[in-house]
C-alpha atoms as a PDB file:
ATOM      1  CA  MET A   1      50.346 -70.832  80.197  1.00  0.00           C
ATOM      2  CA  ARG A   2      52.987 -68.219  79.345  1.00  0.00           C
ATOM      3  CA  VAL A   3      51.674 -65.289  77.300  1.00  0.00           C
ATOM      4  CA  ALA A   4      53.265 -61.880  76.659  1.00  0.00           C
ATOM      5  CA  TRP A   5      50.120 -59.999  77.726  1.00  0.00           C
ATOM      6  CA  ALA A   6      51.661 -56.614  76.950  1.00  0.00           C
ATOM      7  CA  GLU A   7      51.487 -57.525  73.252  1.00  0.00           C
ATOM      8  CA  PHE A   8      47.690 -57.641  73.525  1.00  0.00           C
ATOM      9  CA  GLY A   9      47.312 -54.233  75.173  1.00  0.00           C
ATOM     10  CA  LEU A  10      45.385 -52.905  72.166  1.00  0.00           C
ATOM     11  CA  LEU A  11      42.447 -55.060  73.257  1.00  0.00           C
ATOM     12  CA  ASP A  12      42.243 -52.962  76.439  1.00  0.00           C
ATOM     13  CA  GLU A  13      42.021 -49.799  74.342  1.00  0.00           C
ATOM     14  CA  ALA A  14      39.322 -51.443  72.212  1.00  0.00           C
ATOM     15  CA  GLY A  15      37.082 -51.687  75.269  1.00  0.00           C
ATOM     16  CA  PHE A  16      37.549 -55.316  76.289  1.00  0.00           C
ATOM     17  CA  GLY A  17      37.678 -56.176  79.968  1.00  0.00           C
ATOM     18  CA  SER A  18      40.557 -58.103  81.489  1.00  0.00           C
ATOM     19  CA  TYR A  19      38.647 -61.406  81.615  1.00  0.00           C
ATOM     20  CA  GLU A  20      37.364 -61.032  78.047  1.00  0.00           C
ATOM     21  CA  LYS A  21      40.884 -60.364  76.804  1.00  0.00           C
ATOM     22  CA  ARG A  22      42.292 -63.322  78.718  1.00  0.00           C
ATOM     23  CA  ALA A  23      39.528 -65.598  77.487  1.00  0.00           C
ATOM     24  CA  LEU A  24      40.010 -64.542  73.856  1.00  0.00           C
ATOM     25  CA  VAL A  25      43.792 -65.010  73.935  1.00  0.00           C
ATOM     26  CA  THR A  26      43.656 -68.270  75.889  1.00  0.00           C
ATOM     27  CA  LEU A  27      41.099 -69.691  73.474  1.00  0.00           C
ATOM     28  CA  ALA A  28      43.387 -68.701  70.573  1.00  0.00           C
ATOM     29  CA  VAL A  29      46.090 -70.852  72.153  1.00  0.00           C
ATOM     30  CA  HIS A  30      43.842 -73.909  72.488  1.00  0.00           C
ATOM     31  CA  GLY A  31      41.757 -73.477  69.349  1.00  0.00           C
ATOM     32  CA  VAL A  32      38.843 -75.330  70.947  1.00  0.00           C
ATOM     33  CA  SER A  33      38.309 -75.395  74.693  1.00  0.00           C
ATOM     34  CA  ASP A  34      35.783 -75.759  77.475  1.00  0.00           C
ATOM     35  CA  ALA A  35      35.166 -73.166  80.187  1.00  0.00           C
ATOM     36  CA  ALA A  36      37.152 -75.012  82.846  1.00  0.00           C
ATOM     37  CA  THR A  37      40.306 -75.042  80.733  1.00  0.00           C
ATOM     38  CA  LEU A  38      39.968 -71.346  79.926  1.00  0.00           C
ATOM     39  CA  CYS A  39      39.580 -70.549  83.621  1.00  0.00           C
ATOM     40  CA  ARG A  40      42.627 -72.613  84.570  1.00  0.00           C
ATOM     41  CA  ASP A  41      45.014 -71.489  81.813  1.00  0.00           C
ATOM     42  CA  GLY A  42      43.752 -67.914  81.535  1.00  0.00           C
ATOM     43  CA  ASP A  43      43.580 -67.273  85.305  1.00  0.00           C
ATOM     44  CA  ILE A  44      39.887 -66.358  85.017  1.00  0.00           C
ATOM     45  CA  PRO A  45      37.419 -66.848  87.911  1.00  0.00           C
ATOM     46  CA  SER A  46      34.788 -69.455  87.136  1.00  0.00           C
ATOM     47  CA  SER A  47      32.091 -66.904  88.042  1.00  0.00           C
ATOM     48  CA  LYS A  48      33.266 -64.615  85.207  1.00  0.00           C
ATOM     49  CA  ILE A  49      33.989 -66.962  82.328  1.00  0.00           C
ATOM     50  CA  TYR A  50      30.480 -67.453  80.915  1.00  0.00           C
ATOM     51  CA  ALA A  51      29.681 -63.725  80.869  1.00  0.00           C
ATOM     52  CA  ALA A  52      32.991 -63.079  79.110  1.00  0.00           C
ATOM     53  CA  MET A  53      32.395 -65.790  76.515  1.00  0.00           C
ATOM     54  CA  GLU A  54      28.803 -64.667  75.932  1.00  0.00           C
ATOM     55  CA  LYS A  55      30.017 -61.156  75.102  1.00  0.00           C
ATOM     56  CA  LEU A  56      32.738 -62.472  72.798  1.00  0.00           C
ATOM     57  CA  ALA A  57      30.219 -64.708  71.045  1.00  0.00           C
ATOM     58  CA  GLN A  58      27.726 -61.839  70.593  1.00  0.00           C
ATOM     59  CA  LEU A  59      30.502 -59.792  68.970  1.00  0.00           C
ATOM     60  CA  GLY A  60      31.282 -62.656  66.596  1.00  0.00           C
ATOM     61  CA  LEU A  61      34.786 -63.179  67.989  1.00  0.00           C
ATOM     62  CA  VAL A  62      34.341 -66.813  69.068  1.00  0.00           C
ATOM     63  CA  GLU A  63      32.125 -69.708  68.046  1.00  0.00           C
ATOM     64  CA  VAL A  64      29.970 -71.576  70.561  1.00  0.00           C
ATOM     65  CA  ARG A  65      29.524 -75.311  70.062  1.00  0.00           C
ATOM     66  CA  ARG A  66      26.462 -76.779  71.722  1.00  0.00           C
ATOM     67  CA  SER A  67      27.869 -79.863  73.377  1.00  0.00           C
ATOM     68  CA  ARG A  68      28.379 -81.394  76.804  1.00  0.00           C
ATOM     69  CA  PRO A  69      30.453 -79.820  78.157  1.00  0.00           C
ATOM     70  CA  GLN A  70      29.913 -76.663  76.157  1.00  0.00           C
ATOM     71  CA  LEU A  71      32.885 -75.904  73.903  1.00  0.00           C
ATOM     72  CA  PHE A  72      34.196 -72.674  72.438  1.00  0.00           C
ATOM     73  CA  ALA A  73      36.173 -72.374  69.200  1.00  0.00           C
ATOM     74  CA  ALA A  74      38.623 -69.614  68.261  1.00  0.00           C
ATOM     75  CA  LEU A  75      38.625 -67.790  64.929  1.00  0.00           C
ATOM     76  CA  PRO A  76      41.824 -67.876  62.834  1.00  0.00           C
ATOM     77  CA  PRO A  77      43.962 -64.705  63.262  1.00  0.00           C
ATOM     78  CA  GLU A  78      42.999 -63.071  59.932  1.00  0.00           C
ATOM     79  CA  PRO A  79      39.187 -63.177  60.302  1.00  0.00           C
ATOM     80  CA  LEU A  80      39.558 -62.368  64.001  1.00  0.00           C
ATOM     81  CA  ILE A  81      41.453 -59.134  63.260  1.00  0.00           C
ATOM     82  CA  ASP A  82      39.010 -58.281  60.466  1.00  0.00           C
ATOM     83  CA  ARG A  83      36.134 -58.661  62.907  1.00  0.00           C
ATOM     84  CA  LEU A  84      37.915 -56.544  65.560  1.00  0.00           C
ATOM     85  CA  ASN A  85      38.451 -53.809  62.979  1.00  0.00           C
ATOM     86  CA  ALA A  86      34.800 -53.961  61.985  1.00  0.00           C
ATOM     87  CA  ILE A  87      33.734 -53.657  65.631  1.00  0.00           C
ATOM     88  CA  ALA A  88      35.993 -50.617  66.077  1.00  0.00           C
ATOM     89  CA  ARG A  89      34.473 -48.958  63.012  1.00  0.00           C
ATOM     90  CA  GLU A  90      30.933 -49.721  64.170  1.00  0.00           C
ATOM     91  CA  ARG A  91      31.611 -48.227  67.584  1.00  0.00           C
ATOM     92  CA  ALA A  92      33.221 -45.124  66.053  1.00  0.00           C
ATOM     93  CA  ASP A  93      30.227 -44.641  63.754  1.00  0.00           C
ATOM     94  CA  GLN A  94      27.766 -45.080  66.612  1.00  0.00           C
ATOM     95  CA  PHE A  95      29.652 -42.587  68.762  1.00  0.00           C
ATOM     96  CA  ALA A  96      29.819 -40.054  65.920  1.00  0.00           C
ATOM     97  CA  GLN A  97      26.058 -40.316  65.382  1.00  0.00           C
ATOM     98  CA  ALA A  98      25.333 -39.948  69.094  1.00  0.00           C
ATOM     99  CA  SER A  99      27.844 -37.141  69.589  1.00  0.00           C
ATOM    100  CA  GLN A 100      25.390 -34.486  68.411  1.00  0.00           C
ATOM    101  CA  SER A 101      23.284 -34.944  71.544  1.00  0.00           C
ATOM    102  CA  LEU A 102      26.492 -34.960  73.601  1.00  0.00           C
ATOM    103  CA  ARG A 103      27.529 -31.688  71.940  1.00  0.00           C
ATOM    104  CA  ALA A 104      24.169 -30.156  72.845  1.00  0.00           C
ATOM    105  CA  ALA A 105      24.580 -31.291  76.454  1.00  0.00           C
ATOM    106  CA  PHE A 106      28.016 -29.671  76.712  1.00  0.00           C
ATOM    107  CA  GLU A 107      26.797 -26.474  75.072  1.00  0.00           C
ATOM    108  CA  LYS A 108      24.009 -26.173  77.659  1.00  0.00           C
ATOM    109  CA  LEU A 109      26.491 -26.230  80.547  1.00  0.00           C
ATOM    110  CA  PRO A 110      26.853 -22.888  82.372  1.00  0.00           C
ATOM    111  CA  ARG A 111      29.978 -20.970  81.371  1.00  0.00           C
ATOM    112  CA  LYS A 112      32.134 -19.225  83.947  1.00  0.00           C
ATOM    113  CA  LEU A 113      34.112 -17.420  81.235  1.00  0.00           C
ATOM    114  CA  LYS A 114      32.724 -14.256  79.714  1.00  0.00           C
ATOM    115  CA  SER A 115      31.594 -14.627  76.131  1.00  0.00           C
ATOM    116  CA  ASN A 116      34.337 -12.355  74.801  1.00  0.00           C
ATOM    117  CA  GLU A 117      37.170 -14.232  76.513  1.00  0.00           C
ATOM    118  CA  ALA A 118      39.367 -16.484  74.380  1.00  0.00           C
ATOM    119  CA  ARG A 119      39.864 -20.031  75.656  1.00  0.00           C
ATOM    120  CA  VAL A 120      43.177 -21.679  74.841  1.00  0.00           C
ATOM    121  CA  ASP A 121      44.345 -25.296  75.057  1.00  0.00           C
ATOM    122  CA  LEU A 122      48.005 -26.258  74.578  1.00  0.00           C
ATOM    123  CA  ALA A 123      48.883 -29.723  73.218  1.00  0.00           C
ATOM    124  CA  ILE A 124      52.525 -30.759  73.592  1.00  0.00           C
ATOM    125  CA  GLY A 125      54.031 -33.062  70.954  1.00  0.00           C
ATOM    126  CA  ALA A 126      53.007 -34.102  67.462  1.00  0.00           C
ATOM    127  CA  ASP A 127      50.814 -36.967  68.724  1.00  0.00           C
ATOM    128  CA  SER A 128      48.778 -34.735  71.037  1.00  0.00           C
ATOM    129  CA  HIS A 129      48.513 -32.148  68.275  1.00  0.00           C
ATOM    130  CA  ILE A 130      46.762 -34.726  66.071  1.00  0.00           C
ATOM    131  CA  LYS A 131      44.733 -36.592  68.695  1.00  0.00           C
ATOM    132  CA  ARG A 132      43.592 -33.621  70.807  1.00  0.00           C
ATOM    133  CA  HIS A 133      43.363 -30.849  68.249  1.00  0.00           C
ATOM    134  CA  VAL A 134      43.234 -31.966  64.607  1.00  0.00           C
ATOM    135  CA  SER A 135      40.673 -34.648  65.473  1.00  0.00           C
ATOM    136  CA  ARG A 136      38.322 -31.770  66.400  1.00  0.00           C
ATOM    137  CA  LEU A 137      37.852 -31.145  62.668  1.00  0.00           C
ATOM    138  CA  ALA A 138      35.518 -34.154  62.590  1.00  0.00           C
ATOM    139  CA  GLY A 139      33.078 -32.271  64.822  1.00  0.00           C
ATOM    140  CA  ALA A 140      32.681 -29.237  62.522  1.00  0.00           C
ATOM    141  CA  ARG A 141      29.103 -28.080  61.979  1.00  0.00           C
ATOM    142  CA  GLN A 142      29.553 -25.671  59.062  1.00  0.00           C
ATOM    143  CA  ARG A 143      33.003 -25.601  57.497  1.00  0.00           C
ATOM    144  CA  VAL A 144      36.732 -26.264  57.905  1.00  0.00           C
ATOM    145  CA  LEU A 145      39.562 -24.296  56.315  1.00  0.00           C
ATOM    146  CA  SER A 146      42.991 -25.964  56.524  1.00  0.00           C
ATOM    147  CA  TYR A 147      46.394 -24.679  55.497  1.00  0.00           C
ATOM    148  CA  LEU A 148      48.894 -27.575  55.739  1.00  0.00           C
ATOM    149  CA  GLU A 149      52.652 -27.849  55.310  1.00  0.00           C
ATOM    150  CA  SER A 150      55.231 -30.627  55.486  1.00  0.00           C
ATOM    151  CA  GLY A 151      55.099 -30.829  59.306  1.00  0.00           C
ATOM    152  CA  ASP A 152      51.383 -31.594  59.182  1.00  0.00           C
ATOM    153  CA  LEU A 153      51.845 -34.313  56.576  1.00  0.00           C
ATOM    154  CA  ALA A 154      54.678 -35.945  58.540  1.00  0.00           C
ATOM    155  CA  ALA A 155      52.729 -35.906  61.826  1.00  0.00           C
ATOM    156  CA  MET A 156      49.590 -37.447  60.320  1.00  0.00           C
ATOM    157  CA  ARG A 157      51.540 -40.105  58.429  1.00  0.00           C
ATOM    158  CA  ARG A 158      53.678 -41.122  61.415  1.00  0.00           C
ATOM    159  CA  LEU A 159      50.690 -41.454  63.744  1.00  0.00           C
ATOM    160  CA  ARG A 160      48.852 -43.583  61.181  1.00  0.00           C
ATOM    161  CA  ASP A 161      51.835 -45.838  60.480  1.00  0.00           C
ATOM    162  CA  ASP A 162      53.073 -46.182  64.092  1.00  0.00           C
ATOM    163  CA  ASP A 163      49.833 -46.118  66.121  1.00  0.00           C
ATOM    164  CA  GLY A 164      47.174 -46.953  63.531  1.00  0.00           C
ATOM    165  CA  PHE A 165      45.449 -43.619  64.236  1.00  0.00           C
ATOM    166  CA  ASP A 166      44.285 -42.244  60.857  1.00  0.00           C
ATOM    167  CA  VAL A 167      42.831 -38.842  61.689  1.00  0.00           C
ATOM    168  CA  LEU A 168      42.119 -38.021  58.041  1.00  0.00           C
ATOM    169  CA  LYS A 169      39.964 -41.119  57.658  1.00  0.00           C
ATOM    170  CA  THR A 170      37.959 -40.164  60.753  1.00  0.00           C
ATOM    171  CA  ILE A 171      37.444 -36.629  59.462  1.00  0.00           C
ATOM    172  CA  ALA A 172      36.515 -37.861  55.971  1.00  0.00           C
ATOM    173  CA  ARG A 173      33.973 -40.343  57.322  1.00  0.00           C
ATOM    174  CA  GLN A 174      32.225 -37.647  59.339  1.00  0.00           C
ATOM    175  CA  ARG A 175      32.389 -35.176  56.434  1.00  0.00           C
ATOM    176  CA  GLU A 176      30.631 -37.693  54.161  1.00  0.00           C
ATOM    177  CA  ARG A 177      27.821 -38.000  56.695  1.00  0.00           C
ATOM    178  CA  SER A 178      27.403 -34.304  57.475  1.00  0.00           C
ATOM    179  CA  GLY A 179      28.300 -32.676  54.161  1.00  0.00           C
ATOM    180  CA  VAL A 180      30.382 -30.024  55.951  1.00  0.00           C
ATOM    181  CA  GLU A 181      32.566 -27.915  53.648  1.00  0.00           C
ATOM    182  CA  HIS A 182      36.299 -28.653  53.999  1.00  0.00           C
ATOM    183  CA  ARG A 183      38.810 -26.794  51.825  1.00  0.00           C
ATOM    184  CA  VAL A 184      42.548 -27.423  52.056  1.00  0.00           C
ATOM    185  CA  ILE A 185      45.585 -25.503  50.806  1.00  0.00           C
ATOM    186  CA  PHE A 186      48.873 -27.442  50.759  1.00  0.00           C
ATOM    187  CA  GLY A 187      51.994 -25.331  51.137  1.00  0.00           C
ATOM    188  CA  PHE A 188      55.187 -26.780  49.659  1.00  0.00           C
ATOM    189  CA  ASP A 189      58.508 -25.988  47.986  1.00  0.00           C
ATOM    190  CA  ASP A 190      60.896 -27.871  45.702  1.00  0.00           C
ATOM    191  CA  ARG A 191      62.509 -29.598  48.655  1.00  0.00           C
ATOM    192  CA  ASN A 192      59.387 -31.242  50.049  1.00  0.00           C
ATOM    193  CA  ALA A 193      57.301 -31.548  46.855  1.00  0.00           C
ATOM    194  CA  PRO A 194      58.029 -35.324  46.661  1.00  0.00           C
ATOM    195  CA  GLN A 195      56.695 -35.703  50.215  1.00  0.00           C
ATOM    196  CA  LEU A 196      53.487 -33.912  49.210  1.00  0.00           C
ATOM    197  CA  LEU A 197      53.010 -36.085  46.118  1.00  0.00           C
ATOM    198  CA  ALA A 198      53.520 -39.263  48.172  1.00  0.00           C
ATOM    199  CA  PHE A 199      51.062 -38.014  50.800  1.00  0.00           C
ATOM    200  CA  LEU A 200      48.388 -37.224  48.203  1.00  0.00           C
ATOM    201  CA  ARG A 201      48.819 -40.687  46.723  1.00  0.00           C
ATOM    202  CA  ASP A 202      48.800 -42.596  50.023  1.00  0.00           C
ATOM    203  CA  PHE A 203      45.889 -40.660  51.562  1.00  0.00           C
ATOM    204  CA  ALA A 204      43.843 -40.388  48.368  1.00  0.00           C
ATOM    205  CA  SER A 205      40.831 -42.209  49.841  1.00  0.00           C
ATOM    206  CA  SER A 206      40.571 -39.604  52.622  1.00  0.00           C
ATOM    207  CA  THR A 207      41.211 -36.498  50.507  1.00  0.00           C
ATOM    208  CA  ARG A 208      39.435 -37.195  47.222  1.00  0.00           C
ATOM    209  CA  ASN A 209      36.087 -35.895  48.522  1.00  0.00           C
ATOM    210  CA  LEU A 210      37.370 -32.628  49.972  1.00  0.00           C
ATOM    211  CA  SER A 211      35.326 -29.584  48.962  1.00  0.00           C
ATOM    212  CA  GLY A 212      38.408 -28.110  47.320  1.00  0.00           C
ATOM    213  CA  VAL A 213      42.195 -28.474  47.234  1.00  0.00           C
ATOM    214  CA  ARG A 214      44.804 -25.923  46.129  1.00  0.00           C
ATOM    215  CA  TYR A 215      48.573 -25.508  46.361  1.00  0.00           C
ATOM    216  CA  CYS A 216      50.913 -22.629  47.175  1.00  0.00           C
ATOM    217  CA  GLY A 217      54.395 -21.799  48.385  1.00  0.00           C
ATOM    218  CA  GLU A 218      55.090 -22.393  52.076  1.00  0.00           C
ATOM    219  CA  MET A 219      54.210 -19.612  54.529  1.00  0.00           C
ATOM    220  CA  GLY A 220      55.578 -21.314  57.640  1.00  0.00           C
ATOM    221  CA  HIS A 221      52.389 -21.001  59.712  1.00  0.00           C
ATOM    222  CA  PRO A 222      50.008 -23.985  59.337  1.00  0.00           C
ATOM    223  CA  PHE A 223      46.508 -23.562  60.765  1.00  0.00           C
ATOM    224  CA  HIS A 224      42.905 -24.781  60.746  1.00  0.00           C
ATOM    225  CA  VAL A 225      39.736 -22.731  61.131  1.00  0.00           C
ATOM    226  CA  VAL A 226      36.725 -24.732  62.328  1.00  0.00           C
ATOM    227  CA  ASP A 227      33.311 -23.111  61.901  1.00  0.00           C
ATOM    228  CA  ASP A 228      33.506 -19.444  62.918  1.00  0.00           C
ATOM    229  CA  ASP A 229      35.038 -19.609  66.361  1.00  0.00           C
ATOM    230  CA  LEU A 230      37.738 -22.277  66.645  1.00  0.00           C
ATOM    231  CA  VAL A 231      41.354 -22.033  65.469  1.00  0.00           C
ATOM    232  CA  ILE A 232      44.202 -24.570  65.610  1.00  0.00           C
ATOM    233  CA  LEU A 233      47.695 -23.131  65.274  1.00  0.00           C
ATOM    234  CA  ALA A 234      50.551 -25.590  64.715  1.00  0.00           C
ATOM    235  CA  LEU A 235      53.950 -24.848  66.268  1.00  0.00           C
ATOM    236  CA  ASP A 236      57.101 -26.079  64.516  1.00  0.00           C
ATOM    237  CA  HIS A 237      60.811 -25.533  65.046  1.00  0.00           C
ATOM    238  CA  PRO A 238      63.757 -26.761  62.942  1.00  0.00           C
ATOM    239  CA  PHE A 239      65.770 -27.692  66.051  1.00  0.00           C
ATOM    240  CA  ILE A 240      63.078 -30.141  67.224  1.00  0.00           C
ATOM    241  CA  GLY A 241      63.522 -33.685  65.906  1.00  0.00           C
ATOM    242  CA  GLU A 242      59.948 -34.096  64.671  1.00  0.00           C
ATOM    243  CA  GLY A 243      59.595 -30.438  63.738  1.00  0.00           C
ATOM    244  CA  ARG A 244      56.070 -30.273  65.174  1.00  0.00           C
ATOM    245  CA  PHE A 245      56.436 -29.762  68.928  1.00  0.00           C
ATOM    246  CA  ALA A 246      53.041 -28.362  69.968  1.00  0.00           C
ATOM    247  CA  SER A 247      49.822 -26.697  68.890  1.00  0.00           C
ATOM    248  CA  LEU A 248      47.330 -24.204  70.269  1.00  0.00           C
ATOM    249  CA  LEU A 249      43.570 -24.633  70.113  1.00  0.00           C
ATOM    250  CA  VAL A 250      41.961 -21.210  70.483  1.00  0.00           C
ATOM    251  CA  HIS A 251      38.254 -20.403  70.884  1.00  0.00           C
ATOM    252  CA  ASP A 252      38.139 -16.884  69.470  1.00  0.00           C
ATOM    253  CA  ALA A 253      35.676 -15.692  66.830  1.00  0.00           C
ATOM    254  CA  GLY A 254      37.776 -12.628  65.988  1.00  0.00           C
ATOM    255  CA  LEU A 255      40.913 -14.645  65.321  1.00  0.00           C
ATOM    256  CA  ALA A 256      38.916 -17.208  63.327  1.00  0.00           C
ATOM    257  CA  ALA A 257      37.478 -14.427  61.142  1.00  0.00           C
ATOM    258  CA  GLN A 258      40.928 -12.952  60.428  1.00  0.00           C
ATOM    259  CA  LEU A 259      42.428 -16.302  59.479  1.00  0.00           C
ATOM    260  CA  ALA A 260      39.405 -17.213  57.350  1.00  0.00           C
ATOM    261  CA  GLU A 261      39.789 -13.945  55.455  1.00  0.00           C
ATOM    262  CA  GLY A 262      43.492 -14.621  54.917  1.00  0.00           C
ATOM    263  CA  PHE A 263      42.723 -18.162  53.793  1.00  0.00           C
ATOM    264  CA  ASP A 264      40.233 -16.912  51.187  1.00  0.00           C
ATOM    265  CA  GLN A 265      42.777 -14.423  49.830  1.00  0.00           C
ATOM    266  CA  LEU A 266      45.403 -17.160  49.594  1.00  0.00           C
ATOM    267  CA  TRP A 267      42.847 -19.487  47.991  1.00  0.00           C
ATOM    268  CA  GLN A 268      42.351 -17.031  45.123  1.00  0.00           C
ATOM    269  CA  ARG A 269      46.095 -16.938  44.391  1.00  0.00           C
ATOM    270  CA  ALA A 270      46.854 -20.635  44.939  1.00  0.00           C
ATOM    271  CA  LEU A 271      47.254 -23.238  42.199  1.00  0.00           C
ATOM    272  CA  LYS A 272      44.287 -25.439  41.351  1.00  0.00           C
ATOM    273  CA  ASP A 273      46.469 -28.182  39.896  1.00  0.00           C
ATOM    274  CA  LEU A 274      50.050 -29.214  40.648  1.00  0.00           C
ATOM    275  CA  ARG A 275      50.670 -29.374  36.913  1.00  0.00           C
ATOM    276  CA  GLU A 276      50.494 -25.562  36.905  1.00  0.00           C
ATOM    277  CA  ILE A 277      53.730 -25.442  38.878  1.00  0.00           C
ATOM    278  CA  ARG A 278      55.860 -24.982  35.764  1.00  0.00           C
ATOM    279  CA  ALA A 279      54.066 -21.753  34.940  1.00  0.00           C
ATOM    280  CA  TRP A 280      53.972 -20.455  38.532  1.00  0.00           C
ATOM    281  CA  PRO A 281      55.885 -17.110  38.711  1.00  0.00           C
ATOM    282  CA  GLY A 282      56.618 -17.521  42.418  1.00  0.00           C
ATOM    283  CA  ARG A 283      57.922 -21.062  42.133  1.00  0.00           C
ATOM    284  CA  PRO A 284      60.752 -21.674  44.610  1.00  0.00           C
ATOM    285  CA  ARG A 285      63.944 -22.580  42.828  1.00  0.00           C
ATOM    286  CA  ARG A 286      66.950 -24.531  43.983  1.00  0.00           C
ATOM    287  CA  GLY A 287      70.041 -22.434  44.415  1.00  0.00           C
END
């Protein structure tokens, strides 16, 4: 049986073993099959096939028909993908709920750094910026303050559309559970205002429950403050194709306090509604 296995690599990332993946795909080819056929066409050892099928059946990804010999039936592609998505969400929710005990375990570890030393992590590339750093917003215990510009919007949109990684949805889901405050200021100008409007429309389900949203002219220095000791600084450059080329994650209470103070000052001056833009004295104008 000839199958382009690379096209099913996402099943590996979803936590399925090699034999489970092969069994699921091979069964999709046959529609209905017995264990011997799955072993032969899927190159699966006979000692592994029943454990693989039992797991797939428990997850609701295949149907078991009680017959002699025992037969397995595949789900059509649409309900199969729906079920895979549901499993992914269930696992994410379970991990988020259990992560509090994991956080406590990490916090109890002995620290070799002195308490007044800043710890810095560098993420290279827009993808790593989102996956390694921005995703940390979901673990906030008290509050998040975010100042975002066009580079942030482009990075989050591209990762969602290309890789299916929607960091805003993950953050929103955790915020709904924990009730953590999350305020956002969007910086924009005339040139990228359409991009902002499209972003607000397309990500409405993830942003509608934010603690507060305001708008201001671009400053050129996007950042996040998480709780009172964690800062994420985005690094952009106009000569870089994606704009966003890296970010810094800094554990420093002093820096977090300074940025939080600056955020609050900007919050007082920022617009509460985009419809106020016509009356905004500092509105950027096209030359």
